[in-house]
Amino acid sequence: MSDHSTPPSSQRTGVTASKSLPALEVVARHLAYCEYSPSGLIWLEPTGMRTPPGSQAGSITAAGYYQLGLFGQRYQAHRLVWLLCTGDDPAGMDIDHIDGPGNNFANLRLSTHANNMANRCVRSRPKNPHGSLYKGVRENRGASTWRAVIGRGPDYVGSFPTERDAARAYNLAAIERWGEKSRLNSLSFPGHTWSYNAYISGEAPEGDVI
């Protein structure tokens, strides 16, 4: 009988993101979900000789997310957390972090790539001088007006006399397109965003979002 704990050599290269994960029983032999671990995972049966059982599995990347090596391949820790907690491999789908990069299972949800991109915050000054700190907002060159756009196209929402008005229009368009998965501009603090859930729960003041 073959040892199913070791994937074929053809599967041992590259960084795994949305590709298939090892079988649940294989992952559960080596890893366990732990809400107190920063990565969301601890080792049960470490694959490295220097790693003791019970220790945190994975290390943080420059992007602020955890990855770990298993059978010669790199996996995103939050995808393994999803597998262990639901029994389902999220292959072909994104795992969206609802409130920052924490891997607590309650902070994860299954998402399409488009919805996940819509949930990202915009916090840095744009390199384009005609850009905006508001998500989905661009300056109309020479017209002293601002336009709102949405999606990958991007799709044109409209032009408005102020940057803030364009940001408000983006928020309304985002709610219509992405619903509870949308990320909404803070109108009072350009560069900051609120999740839709924070808005409807009252965490975000109504006037600051819409």
C-alpha atoms as a PDB file:
ATOM      1  CA  MET A   1       0.000   0.000   0.000  1.00  0.00           C
ATOM      2  CA  SER A   2       1.388   3.422  -0.932  1.00  0.00           C
ATOM      3  CA  ASP A   3       2.011   6.144   1.659  1.00  0.00           C
ATOM      4  CA  HIS A   4      -0.579   8.835   0.920  1.00  0.00           C
ATOM      5  CA  SER A   5       1.103  11.255   3.335  1.00  0.00           C
ATOM      6  CA  THR A   6       3.677  12.111   0.669  1.00  0.00           C
ATOM      7  CA  PRO A   7       2.340  13.687  -2.543  1.00  0.00           C
ATOM      8  CA  PRO A   8       3.925  12.723  -5.876  1.00  0.00           C
ATOM      9  CA  SER A   9       7.099  14.612  -6.779  1.00  0.00           C
ATOM     10  CA  SER A  10       5.244  16.417  -9.571  1.00  0.00           C
ATOM     11  CA  GLN A  11       3.190  18.182  -6.893  1.00  0.00           C
ATOM     12  CA  ARG A  12       6.108  19.364  -4.770  1.00  0.00           C
ATOM     13  CA  THR A  13       7.106  22.569  -6.524  1.00  0.00           C
ATOM     14  CA  GLY A  14       5.826  26.153  -6.418  1.00  0.00           C
ATOM     15  CA  VAL A  15       3.711  28.125  -3.966  1.00  0.00           C
ATOM     16  CA  THR A  16       0.182  26.839  -3.568  1.00  0.00           C
ATOM     17  CA  ALA A  17      -2.549  29.483  -3.486  1.00  0.00           C
ATOM     18  CA  SER A  18      -5.802  28.367  -5.088  1.00  0.00           C
ATOM     19  CA  LYS A  19      -4.565  24.929  -6.171  1.00  0.00           C
ATOM     20  CA  SER A  20      -5.738  21.745  -4.518  1.00  0.00           C
ATOM     21  CA  LEU A  21      -4.569  21.050  -0.983  1.00  0.00           C
ATOM     22  CA  PRO A  22      -3.429  17.669   0.329  1.00  0.00           C
ATOM     23  CA  ALA A  23      -6.200  15.360   1.530  1.00  0.00           C
ATOM     24  CA  LEU A  24      -7.864  16.330   4.819  1.00  0.00           C
ATOM     25  CA  GLU A  25      -6.715  13.193   6.620  1.00  0.00           C
ATOM     26  CA  VAL A  26      -3.126  13.909   5.588  1.00  0.00           C
ATOM     27  CA  VAL A  27      -3.222  17.525   6.757  1.00  0.00           C
ATOM     28  CA  ALA A  28      -4.989  16.553  10.018  1.00  0.00           C
ATOM     29  CA  ARG A  29      -2.209  14.070  10.758  1.00  0.00           C
ATOM     30  CA  HIS A  30       0.352  16.868  10.834  1.00  0.00           C
ATOM     31  CA  LEU A  31      -1.582  20.039  11.706  1.00  0.00           C
ATOM     32  CA  ALA A  32      -4.381  21.193  13.992  1.00  0.00           C
ATOM     33  CA  TYR A  33      -6.407  24.382  14.031  1.00  0.00           C
ATOM     34  CA  CYS A  34      -5.691  26.569  17.071  1.00  0.00           C
ATOM     35  CA  GLU A  35      -7.373  29.950  17.533  1.00  0.00           C
ATOM     36  CA  TYR A  36      -4.567  31.050  19.860  1.00  0.00           C
ATOM     37  CA  SER A  37      -1.871  30.518  17.251  1.00  0.00           C
ATOM     38  CA  PRO A  38      -1.126  33.644  15.134  1.00  0.00           C
ATOM     39  CA  SER A  39      -1.105  31.467  12.018  1.00  0.00           C
ATOM     40  CA  GLY A  40      -4.218  29.577  13.122  1.00  0.00           C
ATOM     41  CA  LEU A  41      -2.265  26.319  13.096  1.00  0.00           C
ATOM     42  CA  ILE A  42      -0.032  24.220  15.335  1.00  0.00           C
ATOM     43  CA  TRP A  43       2.054  21.173  14.529  1.00  0.00           C
ATOM     44  CA  LEU A  44       0.888  17.747  15.662  1.00  0.00           C
ATOM     45  CA  GLU A  45       3.442  15.751  13.725  1.00  0.00           C
ATOM     46  CA  PRO A  46       6.079  18.205  12.448  1.00  0.00           C
ATOM     47  CA  THR A  47       7.707  17.552   9.094  1.00  0.00           C
ATOM     48  CA  GLY A  48      10.931  19.238  10.260  1.00  0.00           C
ATOM     49  CA  MET A  49      13.234  17.611  12.823  1.00  0.00           C
ATOM     50  CA  ARG A  50      13.811  20.865  14.742  1.00  0.00           C
ATOM     51  CA  THR A  51      10.113  21.714  15.160  1.00  0.00           C
ATOM     52  CA  PRO A  52       8.499  20.427  18.380  1.00  0.00           C
ATOM     53  CA  PRO A  53       4.864  19.243  18.430  1.00  0.00           C
ATOM     54  CA  GLY A  54       2.484  21.918  19.675  1.00  0.00           C
ATOM     55  CA  SER A  55       4.457  24.810  18.213  1.00  0.00           C
ATOM     56  CA  GLN A  56       3.060  27.388  15.823  1.00  0.00           C
ATOM     57  CA  ALA A  57       3.026  26.241  12.216  1.00  0.00           C
ATOM     58  CA  GLY A  58       4.032  28.736   9.561  1.00  0.00           C
ATOM     59  CA  SER A  59       5.793  32.073   9.275  1.00  0.00           C
ATOM     60  CA  ILE A  60       4.527  35.486   8.279  1.00  0.00           C
ATOM     61  CA  THR A  61       5.225  36.945   4.830  1.00  0.00           C
ATOM     62  CA  ALA A  62       5.967  40.528   3.825  1.00  0.00           C
ATOM     63  CA  ALA A  63       2.280  40.893   2.900  1.00  0.00           C
ATOM     64  CA  GLY A  64       1.262  40.049   6.482  1.00  0.00           C
ATOM     65  CA  TYR A  65      -0.113  36.550   5.822  1.00  0.00           C
ATOM     66  CA  TYR A  66       1.140  33.172   7.026  1.00  0.00           C
ATOM     67  CA  GLN A  67       2.581  30.410   4.882  1.00  0.00           C
ATOM     68  CA  LEU A  68       4.110  27.066   5.754  1.00  0.00           C
ATOM     69  CA  GLY A  69       5.964  24.257   4.063  1.00  0.00           C
ATOM     70  CA  LEU A  70       4.374  20.824   3.795  1.00  0.00           C
ATOM     71  CA  PHE A  71       5.774  17.987   1.671  1.00  0.00           C
ATOM     72  CA  GLY A  72       8.161  20.322  -0.129  1.00  0.00           C
ATOM     73  CA  GLN A  73       5.466  22.815  -1.145  1.00  0.00           C
ATOM     74  CA  ARG A  74       4.388  26.165   0.286  1.00  0.00           C
ATOM     75  CA  TYR A  75       0.763  26.596   1.370  1.00  0.00           C
ATOM     76  CA  GLN A  76      -1.138  29.604   2.638  1.00  0.00           C
ATOM     77  CA  ALA A  77      -2.030  28.904   6.254  1.00  0.00           C
ATOM     78  CA  HIS A  78      -5.554  30.324   6.040  1.00  0.00           C
ATOM     79  CA  ARG A  79      -6.439  27.846   3.285  1.00  0.00           C
ATOM     80  CA  LEU A  80      -5.313  24.968   5.500  1.00  0.00           C
ATOM     81  CA  VAL A  81      -7.343  26.432   8.382  1.00  0.00           C
ATOM     82  CA  TRP A  82     -10.400  26.399   6.120  1.00  0.00           C
ATOM     83  CA  LEU A  83      -9.760  22.786   5.141  1.00  0.00           C
ATOM     84  CA  LEU A  84      -9.371  21.639   8.766  1.00  0.00           C
ATOM     85  CA  CYS A  85     -12.447  23.524  10.013  1.00  0.00           C
ATOM     86  CA  THR A  86     -14.850  22.736   7.174  1.00  0.00           C
ATOM     87  CA  GLY A  87     -13.466  19.568   5.612  1.00  0.00           C
ATOM     88  CA  ASP A  88     -13.658  21.274   2.210  1.00  0.00           C
ATOM     89  CA  ASP A  89     -10.766  22.153  -0.100  1.00  0.00           C
ATOM     90  CA  PRO A  90     -11.320  25.764  -1.298  1.00  0.00           C
ATOM     91  CA  ALA A  91      -9.538  25.098  -4.612  1.00  0.00           C
ATOM     92  CA  GLY A  92     -10.457  27.674  -7.236  1.00  0.00           C
ATOM     93  CA  MET A  93     -11.829  30.128  -4.653  1.00  0.00           C
ATOM     94  CA  ASP A  94     -10.291  32.852  -2.509  1.00  0.00           C
ATOM     95  CA  ILE A  95     -10.413  32.863   1.279  1.00  0.00           C
ATOM     96  CA  ASP A  96     -11.327  36.395   2.314  1.00  0.00           C
ATOM     97  CA  HIS A  97     -10.106  37.834   5.631  1.00  0.00           C
ATOM     98  CA  ILE A  98     -13.087  39.755   7.006  1.00  0.00           C
ATOM     99  CA  ASP A  99     -11.142  42.020   9.373  1.00  0.00           C
ATOM    100  CA  GLY A 100      -7.401  42.003   8.691  1.00  0.00           C
ATOM    101  CA  PRO A 101      -5.026  39.064   8.187  1.00  0.00           C
ATOM    102  CA  GLY A 102      -5.837  37.075  11.362  1.00  0.00           C
ATOM    103  CA  ASN A 103      -6.426  33.356  10.705  1.00  0.00           C
ATOM    104  CA  ASN A 104      -9.085  32.752  13.339  1.00  0.00           C
ATOM    105  CA  PHE A 105     -11.730  30.712  11.524  1.00  0.00           C
ATOM    106  CA  ALA A 106     -14.420  33.268  12.416  1.00  0.00           C
ATOM    107  CA  ASN A 107     -12.396  35.839  10.423  1.00  0.00           C
ATOM    108  CA  LEU A 108     -12.441  33.771   7.216  1.00  0.00           C
ATOM    109  CA  ARG A 109     -15.049  33.414   4.492  1.00  0.00           C
ATOM    110  CA  LEU A 110     -15.134  31.837   1.054  1.00  0.00           C
ATOM    111  CA  SER A 111     -15.037  34.408  -1.729  1.00  0.00           C
ATOM    112  CA  THR A 112     -14.505  34.866  -5.450  1.00  0.00           C
ATOM    113  CA  HIS A 113     -11.334  36.676  -6.508  1.00  0.00           C
ATOM    114  CA  ALA A 114     -13.335  39.759  -7.538  1.00  0.00           C
ATOM    115  CA  ASN A 115     -15.041  39.987  -4.153  1.00  0.00           C
ATOM    116  CA  ASN A 116     -11.752  39.523  -2.334  1.00  0.00           C
ATOM    117  CA  MET A 117     -10.153  42.345  -4.318  1.00  0.00           C
ATOM    118  CA  ALA A 118     -13.088  44.587  -3.434  1.00  0.00           C
ATOM    119  CA  ASN A 119     -12.453  43.937   0.256  1.00  0.00           C
ATOM    120  CA  ARG A 120      -8.887  45.262   0.301  1.00  0.00           C
ATOM    121  CA  CYS A 121      -8.072  48.571   1.996  1.00  0.00           C
ATOM    122  CA  VAL A 122      -6.415  51.506   0.231  1.00  0.00           C
ATOM    123  CA  ARG A 123      -4.088  53.337   2.616  1.00  0.00           C
ATOM    124  CA  SER A 124      -1.088  54.663   0.687  1.00  0.00           C
ATOM    125  CA  ARG A 125      -0.743  57.811  -1.406  1.00  0.00           C
ATOM    126  CA  PRO A 126      -1.241  56.928  -5.090  1.00  0.00           C
ATOM    127  CA  LYS A 127       1.787  57.292  -7.364  1.00  0.00           C
ATOM    128  CA  ASN A 128      -0.406  58.758 -10.106  1.00  0.00           C
ATOM    129  CA  PRO A 129      -0.781  62.529  -9.447  1.00  0.00           C
ATOM    130  CA  HIS A 130      -4.348  62.300 -10.776  1.00  0.00           C
ATOM    131  CA  GLY A 131      -5.213  59.439  -8.422  1.00  0.00           C
ATOM    132  CA  SER A 132      -7.032  59.611  -5.117  1.00  0.00           C
ATOM    133  CA  LEU A 133      -6.755  58.127  -1.661  1.00  0.00           C
ATOM    134  CA  TYR A 134     -10.407  57.183  -2.039  1.00  0.00           C
ATOM    135  CA  LYS A 135     -11.008  53.729  -3.472  1.00  0.00           C
ATOM    136  CA  GLY A 136     -12.420  53.812  -7.021  1.00  0.00           C
ATOM    137  CA  VAL A 137     -11.877  57.557  -7.550  1.00  0.00           C
ATOM    138  CA  ARG A 138      -9.826  59.304 -10.277  1.00  0.00           C
ATOM    139  CA  GLU A 139      -9.364  62.950 -11.248  1.00  0.00           C
ATOM    140  CA  ASN A 140     -10.651  64.100 -14.632  1.00  0.00           C
ATOM    141  CA  ARG A 141      -7.623  65.914 -16.008  1.00  0.00           C
ATOM    142  CA  GLY A 142      -8.240  69.545 -16.927  1.00  0.00           C
ATOM    143  CA  ALA A 143     -11.882  69.425 -15.876  1.00  0.00           C
ATOM    144  CA  SER A 144     -11.552  70.008 -12.110  1.00  0.00           C
ATOM    145  CA  THR A 145     -13.971  67.141 -11.520  1.00  0.00           C
ATOM    146  CA  TRP A 146     -13.660  63.604 -10.206  1.00  0.00           C
ATOM    147  CA  ARG A 147     -14.961  60.325 -11.608  1.00  0.00           C
ATOM    148  CA  ALA A 148     -15.937  57.131  -9.826  1.00  0.00           C
ATOM    149  CA  VAL A 149     -15.068  53.773 -11.398  1.00  0.00           C
ATOM    150  CA  ILE A 150     -15.563  50.218 -10.203  1.00  0.00           C
ATOM    151  CA  GLY A 151     -14.304  46.723 -11.020  1.00  0.00           C
ATOM    152  CA  ARG A 152     -11.527  45.478 -13.249  1.00  0.00           C
ATOM    153  CA  GLY A 153     -12.795  47.197 -16.426  1.00  0.00           C
ATOM    154  CA  PRO A 154     -13.029  49.562 -14.785  1.00  0.00           C
ATOM    155  CA  ASP A 155     -16.712  50.380 -15.225  1.00  0.00           C
ATOM    156  CA  TYR A 156     -17.592  54.070 -15.227  1.00  0.00           C
ATOM    157  CA  VAL A 157     -19.965  55.175 -12.453  1.00  0.00           C
ATOM    158  CA  GLY A 158     -20.067  58.943 -13.074  1.00  0.00           C
ATOM    159  CA  SER A 159     -18.284  62.294 -12.756  1.00  0.00           C
ATOM    160  CA  PHE A 160     -18.765  64.580  -9.761  1.00  0.00           C
ATOM    161  CA  PRO A 161     -17.718  68.069  -8.676  1.00  0.00           C
ATOM    162  CA  THR A 162     -15.755  66.879  -5.634  1.00  0.00           C
ATOM    163  CA  GLU A 163     -13.529  63.961  -4.733  1.00  0.00           C
ATOM    164  CA  ARG A 164     -15.763  63.166  -1.767  1.00  0.00           C
ATOM    165  CA  ASP A 165     -18.880  63.023  -3.948  1.00  0.00           C
ATOM    166  CA  ALA A 166     -17.126  60.551  -6.264  1.00  0.00           C
ATOM    167  CA  ALA A 167     -16.122  58.427  -3.240  1.00  0.00           C
ATOM    168  CA  ARG A 168     -19.741  58.377  -2.064  1.00  0.00           C
ATOM    169  CA  ALA A 169     -20.879  57.285  -5.522  1.00  0.00           C
ATOM    170  CA  TYR A 170     -18.307  54.479  -5.488  1.00  0.00           C
ATOM    171  CA  ASN A 171     -19.645  53.287  -2.134  1.00  0.00           C
ATOM    172  CA  LEU A 172     -23.199  53.053  -3.471  1.00  0.00           C
ATOM    173  CA  ALA A 173     -22.020  51.246  -6.614  1.00  0.00           C
ATOM    174  CA  ALA A 174     -19.919  48.819  -4.517  1.00  0.00           C
ATOM    175  CA  ILE A 175     -22.892  47.931  -2.309  1.00  0.00           C
ATOM    176  CA  GLU A 176     -25.030  47.308  -5.379  1.00  0.00           C
ATOM    177  CA  ARG A 177     -22.372  45.118  -7.016  1.00  0.00           C
ATOM    178  CA  TRP A 178     -20.758  43.271  -4.113  1.00  0.00           C
ATOM    179  CA  GLY A 179     -23.238  43.605  -1.254  1.00  0.00           C
ATOM    180  CA  GLU A 180     -21.911  42.481   2.106  1.00  0.00           C
ATOM    181  CA  LYS A 181     -18.505  41.718   0.598  1.00  0.00           C
ATOM    182  CA  SER A 182     -17.929  45.339  -0.421  1.00  0.00           C
ATOM    183  CA  ARG A 183     -15.353  47.636   1.149  1.00  0.00           C
ATOM    184  CA  LEU A 184     -16.557  51.222   1.538  1.00  0.00           C
ATOM    185  CA  ASN A 185     -14.639  54.484   1.577  1.00  0.00           C
ATOM    186  CA  SER A 186     -14.449  56.421   4.808  1.00  0.00           C
ATOM    187  CA  LEU A 187     -15.535  59.881   3.643  1.00  0.00           C
ATOM    188  CA  SER A 188     -13.996  61.580   6.689  1.00  0.00           C
ATOM    189  CA  PHE A 189     -10.616  59.843   6.519  1.00  0.00           C
ATOM    190  CA  PRO A 190      -9.418  59.419   2.904  1.00  0.00           C
ATOM    191  CA  GLY A 191      -7.351  56.275   2.520  1.00  0.00           C
ATOM    192  CA  HIS A 192      -9.328  54.324   5.121  1.00  0.00           C
ATOM    193  CA  THR A 193     -12.172  51.946   4.412  1.00  0.00           C
ATOM    194  CA  TRP A 194     -14.973  50.233   6.298  1.00  0.00           C
ATOM    195  CA  SER A 195     -16.338  46.760   5.694  1.00  0.00           C
ATOM    196  CA  TYR A 196     -20.012  46.582   4.784  1.00  0.00           C
ATOM    197  CA  ASN A 197     -20.661  44.624   7.992  1.00  0.00           C
ATOM    198  CA  ALA A 198     -19.073  47.407  10.055  1.00  0.00           C
ATOM    199  CA  TYR A 199     -21.335  49.896   8.307  1.00  0.00           C
ATOM    200  CA  ILE A 200     -24.624  48.060   8.861  1.00  0.00           C
ATOM    201  CA  SER A 201     -23.694  47.177  12.464  1.00  0.00           C
ATOM    202  CA  GLY A 202     -23.210  50.841  13.298  1.00  0.00           C
ATOM    203  CA  GLU A 203     -19.464  50.585  13.930  1.00  0.00           C
ATOM    204  CA  ALA A 204     -18.945  52.997  11.047  1.00  0.00           C
ATOM    205  CA  PRO A 205     -20.931  56.239  11.347  1.00  0.00           C
ATOM    206  CA  GLU A 206     -23.511  56.483   8.535  1.00  0.00           C
ATOM    207  CA  GLY A 207     -22.320  59.906   7.407  1.00  0.00           C
ATOM    208  CA  ASP A 208     -18.734  58.667   7.208  1.00  0.00           C
ATOM    209  CA  VAL A 209     -19.605  56.007   4.615  1.00  0.00           C
ATOM    210  CA  ILE A 210     -22.622  57.022   2.536  1.00  0.00           C
END
